Amino acid sequence: MERKTGKETVKNMEHLLKLLHREWERPGRTKAQVSIDITDKKEVGAKLTAEIQERQNQLETAGMDFKECMELSKENFVLLRLAKKIKKAGDRAERREHAVSFAVEMDKEEYRLFSTLIKVREA
């Protein structure tokens, strides 16, 4: 097997991370459906945003090993994916007349993180 230079190794790691990020952006099979009141949409969005920012700040501080960084990065991607779903479903519900709440389908990872952050009421 050929010996890789440091630059090649870094390039390969960057490529692997790009592939991981692409995979993390895709949701899994729906495991739960959560109902969110339209009046709570902004609060839920703000809570998710704050959590994503906090995790990003943790990633930027030194002292974490590679495994911890990857786990935190994955959770951030899951939270970003979830925030996008909630915003889309909430915006759609706001356009309907007399809509009081909206449902968001979540995969296992999304539901786990969401339920740790926000009190859940399943639809």
PDB file of N, CA and C in Angstrom:
ATOM      1  N   MET A   1       0.851  -1.176   0.000  1.00  0.00           N
ATOM      2  CA  MET A   1       0.000   0.000   0.000  1.00  0.00           C
ATOM      3  C   MET A   1       0.894   1.237   0.000  1.00  0.00           C
ATOM      4  N   GLU A   2       0.540   2.189  -0.814  1.00  0.00           N
ATOM      5  CA  GLU A   2       1.315   3.425  -0.906  1.00  0.00           C
ATOM      6  C   GLU A   2       1.209   4.229   0.379  1.00  0.00           C
ATOM      7  N   ARG A   3       2.256   4.986   0.638  1.00  0.00           N
ATOM      8  CA  ARG A   3       2.210   5.907   1.781  1.00  0.00           C
ATOM      9  C   ARG A   3       1.561   7.205   1.310  1.00  0.00           C
ATOM     10  N   LYS A   4       0.631   7.684   2.087  1.00  0.00           N
ATOM     11  CA  LYS A   4      -0.075   8.922   1.750  1.00  0.00           C
ATOM     12  C   LYS A   4       0.643  10.099   2.385  1.00  0.00           C
ATOM     13  N   THR A   5       0.657  11.195   1.681  1.00  0.00           N
ATOM     14  CA  THR A   5       1.215  12.417   2.258  1.00  0.00           C
ATOM     15  C   THR A   5       0.180  13.044   3.174  1.00  0.00           C
ATOM     16  N   GLY A   6       0.593  13.959   4.007  1.00  0.00           N
ATOM     17  CA  GLY A   6      -0.322  14.646   4.919  1.00  0.00           C
ATOM     18  C   GLY A   6      -1.424  15.369   4.172  1.00  0.00           C
ATOM     19  N   LYS A   7      -1.072  15.990   3.040  1.00  0.00           N
ATOM     20  CA  LYS A   7      -2.072  16.723   2.255  1.00  0.00           C
ATOM     21  C   LYS A   7      -3.133  15.786   1.687  1.00  0.00           C
ATOM     22  N   GLU A   8      -2.712  14.618   1.233  1.00  0.00           N
ATOM     23  CA  GLU A   8      -3.668  13.648   0.691  1.00  0.00           C
ATOM     24  C   GLU A   8      -4.604  13.143   1.788  1.00  0.00           C
ATOM     25  N   THR A   9      -4.058  12.910   2.960  1.00  0.00           N
ATOM     26  CA  THR A   9      -4.868  12.446   4.084  1.00  0.00           C
ATOM     27  C   THR A   9      -5.913  13.489   4.458  1.00  0.00           C
ATOM     28  N   VAL A  10      -5.501  14.744   4.536  1.00  0.00           N
ATOM     29  CA  VAL A  10      -6.434  15.830   4.852  1.00  0.00           C
ATOM     30  C   VAL A  10      -7.505  15.925   3.780  1.00  0.00           C
ATOM     31  N   LYS A  11      -7.110  15.814   2.524  1.00  0.00           N
ATOM     32  CA  LYS A  11      -8.066  15.887   1.419  1.00  0.00           C
ATOM     33  C   LYS A  11      -9.080  14.735   1.509  1.00  0.00           C
ATOM     34  N   ASN A  12      -8.598  13.539   1.828  1.00  0.00           N
ATOM     35  CA  ASN A  12      -9.489  12.386   1.969  1.00  0.00           C
ATOM     36  C   ASN A  12     -10.446  12.568   3.142  1.00  0.00           C
ATOM     37  N   MET A  13      -9.965  13.088   4.268  1.00  0.00           N
ATOM     38  CA  MET A  13     -10.827  13.328   5.431  1.00  0.00           C
ATOM     39  C   MET A  13     -11.894  14.372   5.105  1.00  0.00           C
ATOM     40  N   GLU A  14     -11.526  15.422   4.404  1.00  0.00           N
ATOM     41  CA  GLU A  14     -12.495  16.445   4.008  1.00  0.00           C
ATOM     42  C   GLU A  14     -13.574  15.841   3.118  1.00  0.00           C
ATOM     43  N   HIS A  15     -13.164  14.971   2.211  1.00  0.00           N
ATOM     44  CA  HIS A  15     -14.133  14.308   1.331  1.00  0.00           C
ATOM     45  C   HIS A  15     -15.079  13.430   2.144  1.00  0.00           C
ATOM     46  N   LEU A  16     -14.539  12.657   3.084  1.00  0.00           N
ATOM     47  CA  LEU A  16     -15.377  11.814   3.938  1.00  0.00           C
ATOM     48  C   LEU A  16     -16.366  12.644   4.752  1.00  0.00           C
ATOM     49  N   LEU A  17     -15.919  13.762   5.289  1.00  0.00           N
ATOM     50  CA  LEU A  17     -16.814  14.631   6.050  1.00  0.00           C
ATOM     51  C   LEU A  17     -17.916  15.199   5.171  1.00  0.00           C
ATOM     52  N   LYS A  18     -17.580  15.543   3.945  1.00  0.00           N
ATOM     53  CA  LYS A  18     -18.590  16.054   3.010  1.00  0.00           C
ATOM     54  C   LYS A  18     -19.649  14.988   2.744  1.00  0.00           C
ATOM     55  N   LEU A  19     -19.215  13.737   2.576  1.00  0.00           N
ATOM     56  CA  LEU A  19     -20.156  12.643   2.368  1.00  0.00           C
ATOM     57  C   LEU A  19     -21.030  12.420   3.603  1.00  0.00           C
ATOM     58  N   LEU A  20     -20.433  12.488   4.787  1.00  0.00           N
ATOM     59  CA  LEU A  20     -21.200  12.350   6.024  1.00  0.00           C
ATOM     60  C   LEU A  20     -22.245  13.440   6.139  1.00  0.00           C
ATOM     61  N   HIS A  21     -21.871  14.669   5.863  1.00  0.00           N
ATOM     62  CA  HIS A  21     -22.809  15.787   5.949  1.00  0.00           C
ATOM     63  C   HIS A  21     -23.978  15.581   5.005  1.00  0.00           C
ATOM     64  N   ARG A  22     -23.707  15.102   3.803  1.00  0.00           N
ATOM     65  CA  ARG A  22     -24.772  14.838   2.847  1.00  0.00           C
ATOM     66  C   ARG A  22     -25.722  13.761   3.377  1.00  0.00           C
ATOM     67  N   GLU A  23     -25.149  12.724   3.981  1.00  0.00           N
ATOM     68  CA  GLU A  23     -25.962  11.639   4.538  1.00  0.00           C
ATOM     69  C   GLU A  23     -26.798  12.136   5.712  1.00  0.00           C
ATOM     70  N   TRP A  24     -26.227  12.965   6.557  1.00  0.00           N
ATOM     71  CA  TRP A  24     -26.929  13.476   7.733  1.00  0.00           C
ATOM     72  C   TRP A  24     -28.068  14.415   7.357  1.00  0.00           C
ATOM     73  N   GLU A  25     -27.999  15.011   6.178  1.00  0.00           N
ATOM     74  CA  GLU A  25     -29.060  15.923   5.743  1.00  0.00           C
ATOM     75  C   GLU A  25     -30.331  15.172   5.344  1.00  0.00           C
ATOM     76  N   ARG A  26     -30.230  13.871   5.107  1.00  0.00           N
ATOM     77  CA  ARG A  26     -31.382  13.084   4.682  1.00  0.00           C
ATOM     78  C   ARG A  26     -32.091  12.484   5.887  1.00  0.00           C
ATOM     79  N   PRO A  27     -33.404  12.681   5.974  1.00  0.00           N
ATOM     80  CA  PRO A  27     -34.135  12.078   7.095  1.00  0.00           C
ATOM     81  C   PRO A  27     -34.306  10.577   6.897  1.00  0.00           C
ATOM     82  N   GLY A  28     -34.498   9.893   8.009  1.00  0.00           N
ATOM     83  CA  GLY A  28     -34.767   8.457   7.952  1.00  0.00           C
ATOM     84  C   GLY A  28     -36.259   8.213   7.832  1.00  0.00           C
ATOM     85  N   ARG A  29     -36.660   6.982   8.090  1.00  0.00           N
ATOM     86  CA  ARG A  29     -38.062   6.596   8.029  1.00  0.00           C
ATOM     87  C   ARG A  29     -38.828   7.267   9.170  1.00  0.00           C
ATOM     88  N   THR A  30     -40.036   7.724   8.897  1.00  0.00           N
ATOM     89  CA  THR A  30     -40.859   8.402   9.891  1.00  0.00           C
ATOM     90  C   THR A  30     -41.201   7.446  11.030  1.00  0.00           C
ATOM     91  N   LYS A  31     -40.932   7.881  12.266  1.00  0.00           N
ATOM     92  CA  LYS A  31     -41.216   7.075  13.450  1.00  0.00           C
ATOM     93  C   LYS A  31     -42.263   7.724  14.347  1.00  0.00           C
ATOM     94  N   ALA A  32     -42.426   9.049  14.229  1.00  0.00           N
ATOM     95  CA  ALA A  32     -43.377   9.753  15.094  1.00  0.00           C
ATOM     96  C   ALA A  32     -43.912  10.967  14.358  1.00  0.00           C
ATOM     97  N   GLN A  33     -45.070  11.413  14.816  1.00  0.00           N
ATOM     98  CA  GLN A  33     -45.661  12.632  14.287  1.00  0.00           C
ATOM     99  C   GLN A  33     -45.993  13.504  15.493  1.00  0.00           C
ATOM    100  N   VAL A  34     -45.476  14.726  15.468  1.00  0.00           N
ATOM    101  CA  VAL A  34     -45.654  15.635  16.596  1.00  0.00           C
ATOM    102  C   VAL A  34     -46.507  16.815  16.157  1.00  0.00           C
ATOM    103  N   SER A  35     -47.462  17.172  17.002  1.00  0.00           N
ATOM    104  CA  SER A  35     -48.329  18.311  16.736  1.00  0.00           C
ATOM    105  C   SER A  35     -47.781  19.531  17.460  1.00  0.00           C
ATOM    106  N   ILE A  36     -47.700  20.643  16.734  1.00  0.00           N
ATOM    107  CA  ILE A  36     -47.196  21.897  17.298  1.00  0.00           C
ATOM    108  C   ILE A  36     -48.243  22.975  17.054  1.00  0.00           C
ATOM    109  N   ASP A  37     -48.610  23.705  18.100  1.00  0.00           N
ATOM    110  CA  ASP A  37     -49.545  24.818  17.944  1.00  0.00           C
ATOM    111  C   ASP A  37     -48.881  25.915  17.127  1.00  0.00           C
ATOM    112  N   ILE A  38     -49.660  26.554  16.271  1.00  0.00           N
ATOM    113  CA  ILE A  38     -49.119  27.641  15.455  1.00  0.00           C
ATOM    114  C   ILE A  38     -48.558  28.753  16.346  1.00  0.00           C
ATOM    115  N   THR A  39     -49.208  28.993  17.469  1.00  0.00           N
ATOM    116  CA  THR A  39     -48.731  30.039  18.378  1.00  0.00           C
ATOM    117  C   THR A  39     -47.372  29.696  18.994  1.00  0.00           C
ATOM    118  N   ASP A  40     -47.012  28.407  19.017  1.00  0.00           N
ATOM    119  CA  ASP A  40     -45.729  27.977  19.587  1.00  0.00           C
ATOM    120  C   ASP A  40     -44.622  27.862  18.547  1.00  0.00           C
ATOM    121  N   LYS A  41     -44.944  28.095  17.276  1.00  0.00           N
ATOM    122  CA  LYS A  41     -43.977  27.915  16.197  1.00  0.00           C
ATOM    123  C   LYS A  41     -42.711  28.740  16.416  1.00  0.00           C
ATOM    124  N   LYS A  42     -42.866  30.013  16.740  1.00  0.00           N
ATOM    125  CA  LYS A  42     -41.694  30.876  16.924  1.00  0.00           C
ATOM    126  C   LYS A  42     -40.870  30.443  18.124  1.00  0.00           C
ATOM    127  N   GLU A  43     -41.544  30.070  19.193  1.00  0.00           N
ATOM    128  CA  GLU A  43     -40.845  29.631  20.404  1.00  0.00           C
ATOM    129  C   GLU A  43     -40.038  28.353  20.138  1.00  0.00           C
ATOM    130  N   VAL A  44     -40.652  27.411  19.442  1.00  0.00           N
ATOM    131  CA  VAL A  44     -39.965  26.161  19.111  1.00  0.00           C
ATOM    132  C   VAL A  44     -38.770  26.453  18.201  1.00  0.00           C
ATOM    133  N   GLY A  45     -38.976  27.299  17.209  1.00  0.00           N
ATOM    134  CA  GLY A  45     -37.886  27.681  16.305  1.00  0.00           C
ATOM    135  C   GLY A  45     -36.747  28.353  17.040  1.00  0.00           C
ATOM    136  N   ALA A  46     -37.077  29.238  17.969  1.00  0.00           N
ATOM    137  CA  ALA A  46     -36.050  29.938  18.743  1.00  0.00           C
ATOM    138  C   ALA A  46     -35.277  28.959  19.624  1.00  0.00           C
ATOM    139  N   LYS A  47     -35.975  28.011  20.204  1.00  0.00           N
ATOM    140  CA  LYS A  47     -35.315  27.026  21.069  1.00  0.00           C
ATOM    141  C   LYS A  47     -34.364  26.142  20.250  1.00  0.00           C
ATOM    142  N   LEU A  48     -34.809  25.722  19.075  1.00  0.00           N
ATOM    143  CA  LEU A  48     -33.945  24.922  18.205  1.00  0.00           C
ATOM    144  C   LEU A  48     -32.724  25.724  17.755  1.00  0.00           C
ATOM    145  N   THR A  49     -32.951  26.975  17.381  1.00  0.00           N
ATOM    146  CA  THR A  49     -31.854  27.833  16.944  1.00  0.00           C
ATOM    147  C   THR A  49     -30.823  28.019  18.055  1.00  0.00           C
ATOM    148  N   ALA A  50     -31.293  28.261  19.261  1.00  0.00           N
ATOM    149  CA  ALA A  50     -30.386  28.445  20.397  1.00  0.00           C
ATOM    150  C   ALA A  50     -29.578  27.173  20.657  1.00  0.00           C
ATOM    151  N   GLU A  51     -30.222  26.029  20.560  1.00  0.00           N
ATOM    152  CA  GLU A  51     -29.526  24.750  20.791  1.00  0.00           C
ATOM    153  C   GLU A  51     -28.477  24.504  19.717  1.00  0.00           C
ATOM    154  N   ILE A  52     -28.816  24.801  18.465  1.00  0.00           N
ATOM    155  CA  ILE A  52     -27.860  24.624  17.362  1.00  0.00           C
ATOM    156  C   ILE A  52     -26.658  25.535  17.573  1.00  0.00           C
ATOM    157  N   GLN A  53     -26.902  26.780  17.949  1.00  0.00           N
ATOM    158  CA  GLN A  53     -25.809  27.721  18.173  1.00  0.00           C
ATOM    159  C   GLN A  53     -24.928  27.289  19.344  1.00  0.00           C
ATOM    160  N   GLU A  54     -25.552  26.802  20.401  1.00  0.00           N
ATOM    161  CA  GLU A  54     -24.785  26.345  21.561  1.00  0.00           C
ATOM    162  C   GLU A  54     -23.884  25.166  21.180  1.00  0.00           C
ATOM    163  N   ARG A  55     -24.434  24.228  20.432  1.00  0.00           N
ATOM    164  CA  ARG A  55     -23.643  23.070  19.998  1.00  0.00           C
ATOM    165  C   ARG A  55     -22.527  23.495  19.050  1.00  0.00           C
ATOM    166  N   GLN A  56     -22.804  24.465  18.194  1.00  0.00           N
ATOM    167  CA  GLN A  56     -21.778  24.954  17.273  1.00  0.00           C
ATOM    168  C   GLN A  56     -20.649  25.618  18.052  1.00  0.00           C
ATOM    169  N   ASN A  57     -20.989  26.379  19.084  1.00  0.00           N
ATOM    170  CA  ASN A  57     -19.963  26.998  19.926  1.00  0.00           C
ATOM    171  C   ASN A  57     -19.111  25.937  20.615  1.00  0.00           C
ATOM    172  N   GLN A  58     -19.735  24.854  21.058  1.00  0.00           N
ATOM    173  CA  GLN A  58     -18.991  23.753  21.666  1.00  0.00           C
ATOM    174  C   GLN A  58     -18.018  23.137  20.675  1.00  0.00           C
ATOM    175  N   LEU A  59     -18.448  23.022  19.411  1.00  0.00           N
ATOM    176  CA  LEU A  59     -17.574  22.463  18.376  1.00  0.00           C
ATOM    177  C   LEU A  59     -16.353  23.343  18.127  1.00  0.00           C
ATOM    178  N   GLU A  60     -16.547  24.640  18.254  1.00  0.00           N
ATOM    179  CA  GLU A  60     -15.470  25.568  17.944  1.00  0.00           C
ATOM    180  C   GLU A  60     -14.461  25.719  19.083  1.00  0.00           C
ATOM    181  N   THR A  61     -14.803  25.246  20.279  1.00  0.00           N
ATOM    182  CA  THR A  61     -13.854  25.313  21.388  1.00  0.00           C
ATOM    183  C   THR A  61     -12.944  24.093  21.335  1.00  0.00           C
ATOM    184  N   ALA A  62     -11.743  24.288  21.749  1.00  0.00           N
ATOM    185  CA  ALA A  62     -10.756  23.206  21.737  1.00  0.00           C
ATOM    186  C   ALA A  62     -11.021  22.240  22.890  1.00  0.00           C
ATOM    187  N   GLY A  63     -10.426  21.078  22.821  1.00  0.00           N
ATOM    188  CA  GLY A  63     -10.515  20.133  23.918  1.00  0.00           C
ATOM    189  C   GLY A  63     -11.366  18.915  23.645  1.00  0.00           C
ATOM    190  N   MET A  64     -12.072  18.870  22.533  1.00  0.00           N
ATOM    191  CA  MET A  64     -12.891  17.701  22.204  1.00  0.00           C
ATOM    192  C   MET A  64     -12.091  16.761  21.324  1.00  0.00           C
ATOM    193  N   ASP A  65     -12.314  15.468  21.523  1.00  0.00           N
ATOM    194  CA  ASP A  65     -11.672  14.529  20.616  1.00  0.00           C
ATOM    195  C   ASP A  65     -12.521  14.394  19.346  1.00  0.00           C
ATOM    196  N   PHE A  66     -11.967  13.707  18.364  1.00  0.00           N
ATOM    197  CA  PHE A  66     -12.609  13.597  17.059  1.00  0.00           C
ATOM    198  C   PHE A  66     -13.994  12.956  17.154  1.00  0.00           C
ATOM    199  N   LYS A  67     -14.109  11.896  17.956  1.00  0.00           N
ATOM    200  CA  LYS A  67     -15.381  11.185  18.088  1.00  0.00           C
ATOM    201  C   LYS A  67     -16.462  12.099  18.653  1.00  0.00           C
ATOM    202  N   GLU A  68     -16.142  12.877  19.680  1.00  0.00           N
ATOM    203  CA  GLU A  68     -17.109  13.806  20.275  1.00  0.00           C
ATOM    204  C   GLU A  68     -17.519  14.881  19.273  1.00  0.00           C
ATOM    205  N   CYS A  69     -16.545  15.378  18.516  1.00  0.00           N
ATOM    206  CA  CYS A  69     -16.846  16.397  17.498  1.00  0.00           C
ATOM    207  C   CYS A  69     -17.795  15.860  16.435  1.00  0.00           C
ATOM    208  N   MET A  70     -17.576  14.641  16.000  1.00  0.00           N
ATOM    209  CA  MET A  70     -18.433  14.048  14.971  1.00  0.00           C
ATOM    210  C   MET A  70     -19.850  13.822  15.502  1.00  0.00           C
ATOM    211  N   GLU A  71     -19.978  13.371  16.750  1.00  0.00           N
ATOM    212  CA  GLU A  71     -21.303  13.151  17.330  1.00  0.00           C
ATOM    213  C   GLU A  71     -22.065  14.472  17.449  1.00  0.00           C
ATOM    214  N   LEU A  72     -21.383  15.499  17.921  1.00  0.00           N
ATOM    215  CA  LEU A  72     -22.008  16.815  18.067  1.00  0.00           C
ATOM    216  C   LEU A  72     -22.380  17.393  16.700  1.00  0.00           C
ATOM    217  N   SER A  73     -21.514  17.208  15.728  1.00  0.00           N
ATOM    218  CA  SER A  73     -21.780  17.689  14.376  1.00  0.00           C
ATOM    219  C   SER A  73     -23.000  16.984  13.788  1.00  0.00           C
ATOM    220  N   LYS A  74     -23.099  15.678  14.000  1.00  0.00           N
ATOM    221  CA  LYS A  74     -24.243  14.921  13.494  1.00  0.00           C
ATOM    222  C   LYS A  74     -25.537  15.420  14.131  1.00  0.00           C
ATOM    223  N   GLU A  75     -25.516  15.623  15.442  1.00  0.00           N
ATOM    224  CA  GLU A  75     -26.713  16.124  16.126  1.00  0.00           C
ATOM    225  C   GLU A  75     -27.109  17.494  15.595  1.00  0.00           C
ATOM    226  N   ASN A  76     -26.131  18.327  15.291  1.00  0.00           N
ATOM    227  CA  ASN A  76     -26.427  19.641  14.724  1.00  0.00           C
ATOM    228  C   ASN A  76     -27.126  19.506  13.373  1.00  0.00           C
ATOM    229  N   PHE A  77     -26.666  18.590  12.538  1.00  0.00           N
ATOM    230  CA  PHE A  77     -27.298  18.385  11.240  1.00  0.00           C
ATOM    231  C   PHE A  77     -28.724  17.890  11.408  1.00  0.00           C
ATOM    232  N   VAL A  78     -28.947  17.011  12.378  1.00  0.00           N
ATOM    233  CA  VAL A  78     -30.295  16.509  12.641  1.00  0.00           C
ATOM    234  C   VAL A  78     -31.193  17.658  13.097  1.00  0.00           C
ATOM    235  N   LEU A  79     -30.675  18.513  13.982  1.00  0.00           N
ATOM    236  CA  LEU A  79     -31.464  19.657  14.453  1.00  0.00           C
ATOM    237  C   LEU A  79     -31.752  20.642  13.320  1.00  0.00           C
ATOM    238  N   LEU A  80     -30.790  20.863  12.450  1.00  0.00           N
ATOM    239  CA  LEU A  80     -31.019  21.749  11.301  1.00  0.00           C
ATOM    240  C   LEU A  80     -32.085  21.170  10.378  1.00  0.00           C
ATOM    241  N   ARG A  81     -32.019  19.877  10.147  1.00  0.00           N
ATOM    242  CA  ARG A  81     -33.013  19.192   9.309  1.00  0.00           C
ATOM    243  C   ARG A  81     -34.403  19.328   9.930  1.00  0.00           C
ATOM    244  N   LEU A  82     -34.475  19.158  11.232  1.00  0.00           N
ATOM    245  CA  LEU A  82     -35.737  19.269  11.950  1.00  0.00           C
ATOM    246  C   LEU A  82     -36.274  20.701  11.913  1.00  0.00           C
ATOM    247  N   ALA A  83     -35.407  21.678  12.107  1.00  0.00           N
ATOM    248  CA  ALA A  83     -35.833  23.084  12.060  1.00  0.00           C
ATOM    249  C   ALA A  83     -36.427  23.422  10.698  1.00  0.00           C
ATOM    250  N   LYS A  84     -35.812  22.881   9.650  1.00  0.00           N
ATOM    251  CA  LYS A  84     -36.325  23.120   8.290  1.00  0.00           C
ATOM    252  C   LYS A  84     -37.715  22.507   8.120  1.00  0.00           C
ATOM    253  N   LYS A  85     -37.919  21.289   8.637  1.00  0.00           N
ATOM    254  CA  LYS A  85     -39.228  20.632   8.549  1.00  0.00           C
ATOM    255  C   LYS A  85     -40.296  21.427   9.304  1.00  0.00           C
ATOM    256  N   ILE A  86     -39.946  21.887  10.496  1.00  0.00           N
ATOM    257  CA  ILE A  86     -40.907  22.625  11.320  1.00  0.00           C
ATOM    258  C   ILE A  86     -41.282  23.937  10.656  1.00  0.00           C
ATOM    259  N   LYS A  87     -40.296  24.647  10.120  1.00  0.00           N
ATOM    260  CA  LYS A  87     -40.586  25.918   9.454  1.00  0.00           C
ATOM    261  C   LYS A  87     -41.489  25.703   8.250  1.00  0.00           C
ATOM    262  N   LYS A  88     -41.185  24.699   7.445  1.00  0.00           N
ATOM    263  CA  LYS A  88     -41.981  24.426   6.245  1.00  0.00           C
ATOM    264  C   LYS A  88     -43.422  24.062   6.612  1.00  0.00           C
ATOM    265  N   ALA A  89     -43.587  23.166   7.586  1.00  0.00           N
ATOM    266  CA  ALA A  89     -44.932  22.755   7.996  1.00  0.00           C
ATOM    267  C   ALA A  89     -45.689  23.904   8.644  1.00  0.00           C
ATOM    268  N   GLY A  90     -45.003  24.707   9.439  1.00  0.00           N
ATOM    269  CA  GLY A  90     -45.634  25.851  10.092  1.00  0.00           C
ATOM    270  C   GLY A  90     -46.075  26.909   9.101  1.00  0.00           C
ATOM    271  N   ASP A  91     -45.226  27.193   8.128  1.00  0.00           N
ATOM    272  CA  ASP A  91     -45.589  28.173   7.092  1.00  0.00           C
ATOM    273  C   ASP A  91     -46.792  27.695   6.288  1.00  0.00           C
ATOM    274  N   ARG A  92     -46.822  26.405   5.982  1.00  0.00           N
ATOM    275  CA  ARG A  92     -47.945  25.833   5.242  1.00  0.00           C
ATOM    276  C   ARG A  92     -49.233  25.950   6.063  1.00  0.00           C
ATOM    277  N   ALA A  93     -49.143  25.689   7.361  1.00  0.00           N
ATOM    278  CA  ALA A  93     -50.325  25.760   8.230  1.00  0.00           C
ATOM    279  C   ALA A  93     -50.832  27.191   8.366  1.00  0.00           C
ATOM    280  N   GLU A  94     -49.921  28.156   8.403  1.00  0.00           N
ATOM    281  CA  GLU A  94     -50.329  29.557   8.538  1.00  0.00           C
ATOM    282  C   GLU A  94     -51.108  30.045   7.324  1.00  0.00           C
ATOM    283  N   ARG A  95     -50.880  29.435   6.176  1.00  0.00           N
ATOM    284  CA  ARG A  95     -51.605  29.829   4.960  1.00  0.00           C
ATOM    285  C   ARG A  95     -53.024  29.268   4.932  1.00  0.00           C
ATOM    286  N   ARG A  96     -53.284  28.225   5.733  1.00  0.00           N
ATOM    287  CA  ARG A  96     -54.635  27.643   5.786  1.00  0.00           C
ATOM    288  C   ARG A  96     -55.507  28.460   6.731  1.00  0.00           C
ATOM    289  N   GLU A  97     -56.762  28.572   6.379  1.00  0.00           N
ATOM    290  CA  GLU A  97     -57.709  29.271   7.249  1.00  0.00           C
ATOM    291  C   GLU A  97     -58.019  28.416   8.464  1.00  0.00           C
ATOM    292  N   HIS A  98     -58.158  29.036   9.590  1.00  0.00           N
ATOM    293  CA  HIS A  98     -58.574  28.401  10.840  1.00  0.00           C
ATOM    294  C   HIS A  98     -57.632  27.294  11.331  1.00  0.00           C
ATOM    295  N   ALA A  99     -56.386  27.315  10.886  1.00  0.00           N
ATOM    296  CA  ALA A  99     -55.426  26.313  11.350  1.00  0.00           C
ATOM    297  C   ALA A  99     -54.971  26.670  12.762  1.00  0.00           C
ATOM    298  N   VAL A 100     -55.015  25.712  13.642  1.00  0.00           N
ATOM    299  CA  VAL A 100     -54.639  25.922  15.032  1.00  0.00           C
ATOM    300  C   VAL A 100     -53.288  25.280  15.322  1.00  0.00           C
ATOM    301  N   SER A 101     -53.021  24.162  14.653  1.00  0.00           N
ATOM    302  CA  SER A 101     -51.763  23.461  14.860  1.00  0.00           C
ATOM    303  C   SER A 101     -51.329  22.807  13.551  1.00  0.00           C
ATOM    304  N   PHE A 102     -50.140  22.259  13.575  1.00  0.00           N
ATOM    305  CA  PHE A 102     -49.626  21.534  12.416  1.00  0.00           C
ATOM    306  C   PHE A 102     -48.827  20.334  12.904  1.00  0.00           C
ATOM    307  N   ALA A 103     -48.747  19.322  12.062  1.00  0.00           N
ATOM    308  CA  ALA A 103     -48.036  18.092  12.414  1.00  0.00           C
ATOM    309  C   ALA A 103     -46.708  18.035  11.669  1.00  0.00           C
ATOM    310  N   VAL A 104     -45.704  17.525  12.365  1.00  0.00           N
ATOM    311  CA  VAL A 104     -44.379  17.350  11.767  1.00  0.00           C
ATOM    312  C   VAL A 104     -43.987  15.888  11.928  1.00  0.00           C
ATOM    313  N   GLU A 105     -43.683  15.234  10.809  1.00  0.00           N
ATOM    314  CA  GLU A 105     -43.227  13.853  10.851  1.00  0.00           C
ATOM    315  C   GLU A 105     -41.737  13.847  11.152  1.00  0.00           C
ATOM    316  N   MET A 106     -41.338  12.973  12.085  1.00  0.00           N
ATOM    317  CA  MET A 106     -39.943  12.925  12.505  1.00  0.00           C
ATOM    318  C   MET A 106     -39.407  11.504  12.455  1.00  0.00           C
ATOM    319  N   ASP A 107     -38.137  11.403  12.117  1.00  0.00           N
ATOM    320  CA  ASP A 107     -37.492  10.100  12.207  1.00  0.00           C
ATOM    321  C   ASP A 107     -37.009   9.901  13.647  1.00  0.00           C
ATOM    322  N   LYS A 108     -36.405   8.769  13.914  1.00  0.00           N
ATOM    323  CA  LYS A 108     -36.004   8.406  15.270  1.00  0.00           C
ATOM    324  C   LYS A 108     -35.039   9.428  15.883  1.00  0.00           C
ATOM    325  N   GLU A 109     -34.035   9.854  15.113  1.00  0.00           N
ATOM    326  CA  GLU A 109     -33.047  10.813  15.626  1.00  0.00           C
ATOM    327  C   GLU A 109     -33.673  12.177  15.898  1.00  0.00           C
ATOM    328  N   GLU A 110     -34.492  12.647  14.955  1.00  0.00           N
ATOM    329  CA  GLU A 110     -35.148  13.946  15.116  1.00  0.00           C
ATOM    330  C   GLU A 110     -36.047  13.936  16.353  1.00  0.00           C
ATOM    331  N   TYR A 111     -36.820  12.871  16.506  1.00  0.00           N
ATOM    332  CA  TYR A 111     -37.749  12.777  17.631  1.00  0.00           C
ATOM    333  C   TYR A 111     -37.000  12.736  18.957  1.00  0.00           C
ATOM    334  N   ARG A 112     -35.906  11.992  19.012  1.00  0.00           N
ATOM    335  CA  ARG A 112     -35.113  11.889  20.238  1.00  0.00           C
ATOM    336  C   ARG A 112     -34.591  13.267  20.662  1.00  0.00           C
ATOM    337  N   LEU A 113     -34.006  13.991  19.732  1.00  0.00           N
ATOM    338  CA  LEU A 113     -33.472  15.318  20.064  1.00  0.00           C
ATOM    339  C   LEU A 113     -34.588  16.312  20.380  1.00  0.00           C
ATOM    340  N   PHE A 114     -35.661  16.274  19.600  1.00  0.00           N
ATOM    341  CA  PHE A 114     -36.774  17.194  19.810  1.00  0.00           C
ATOM    342  C   PHE A 114     -37.408  16.975  21.178  1.00  0.00           C
ATOM    343  N   SER A 115     -37.613  15.711  21.539  1.00  0.00           N
ATOM    344  CA  SER A 115     -38.272  15.424  22.811  1.00  0.00           C
ATOM    345  C   SER A 115     -37.397  15.761  24.014  1.00  0.00           C
ATOM    346  N   THR A 116     -36.093  15.819  23.840  1.00  0.00           N
ATOM    347  CA  THR A 116     -35.240  16.251  24.950  1.00  0.00           C
ATOM    348  C   THR A 116     -35.273  17.766  25.120  1.00  0.00           C
ATOM    349  N   LEU A 117     -35.591  18.479  24.056  1.00  0.00           N
ATOM    350  CA  LEU A 117     -35.603  19.943  24.110  1.00  0.00           C
ATOM    351  C   LEU A 117     -36.972  20.528  24.440  1.00  0.00           C
ATOM    352  N   ILE A 118     -38.019  19.876  23.968  1.00  0.00           N
ATOM    353  CA  ILE A 118     -39.367  20.449  24.048  1.00  0.00           C
ATOM    354  C   ILE A 118     -40.345  19.390  24.533  1.00  0.00           C
ATOM    355  N   LYS A 119     -41.290  19.808  25.369  1.00  0.00           N
ATOM    356  CA  LYS A 119     -42.321  18.883  25.831  1.00  0.00           C
ATOM    357  C   LYS A 119     -43.142  18.436  24.625  1.00  0.00           C
ATOM    358  N   VAL A 120     -43.259  17.136  24.438  1.00  0.00           N
ATOM    359  CA  VAL A 120     -43.873  16.579  23.230  1.00  0.00           C
ATOM    360  C   VAL A 120     -45.333  16.190  23.482  1.00  0.00           C
ATOM    361  N   ARG A 121     -46.165  16.522  22.481  1.00  0.00           N
ATOM    362  CA  ARG A 121     -47.562  16.080  22.450  1.00  0.00           C
ATOM    363  C   ARG A 121     -47.767  15.432  21.083  1.00  0.00           C
ATOM    364  N   GLU A 122     -47.793  14.109  21.048  1.00  0.00           N
ATOM    365  CA  GLU A 122     -47.877  13.403  19.759  1.00  0.00           C
ATOM    366  C   GLU A 122     -49.247  13.577  19.121  1.00  0.00           C
ATOM    367  N   ALA A 123     -49.240  13.663  17.773  1.00  0.00           N
ATOM    368  CA  ALA A 123     -50.484  13.851  17.013  1.00  0.00           C
ATOM    369  C   ALA A 123     -51.193  12.537  16.821  1.00  0.00           C
TER     370      ALA A 123
END
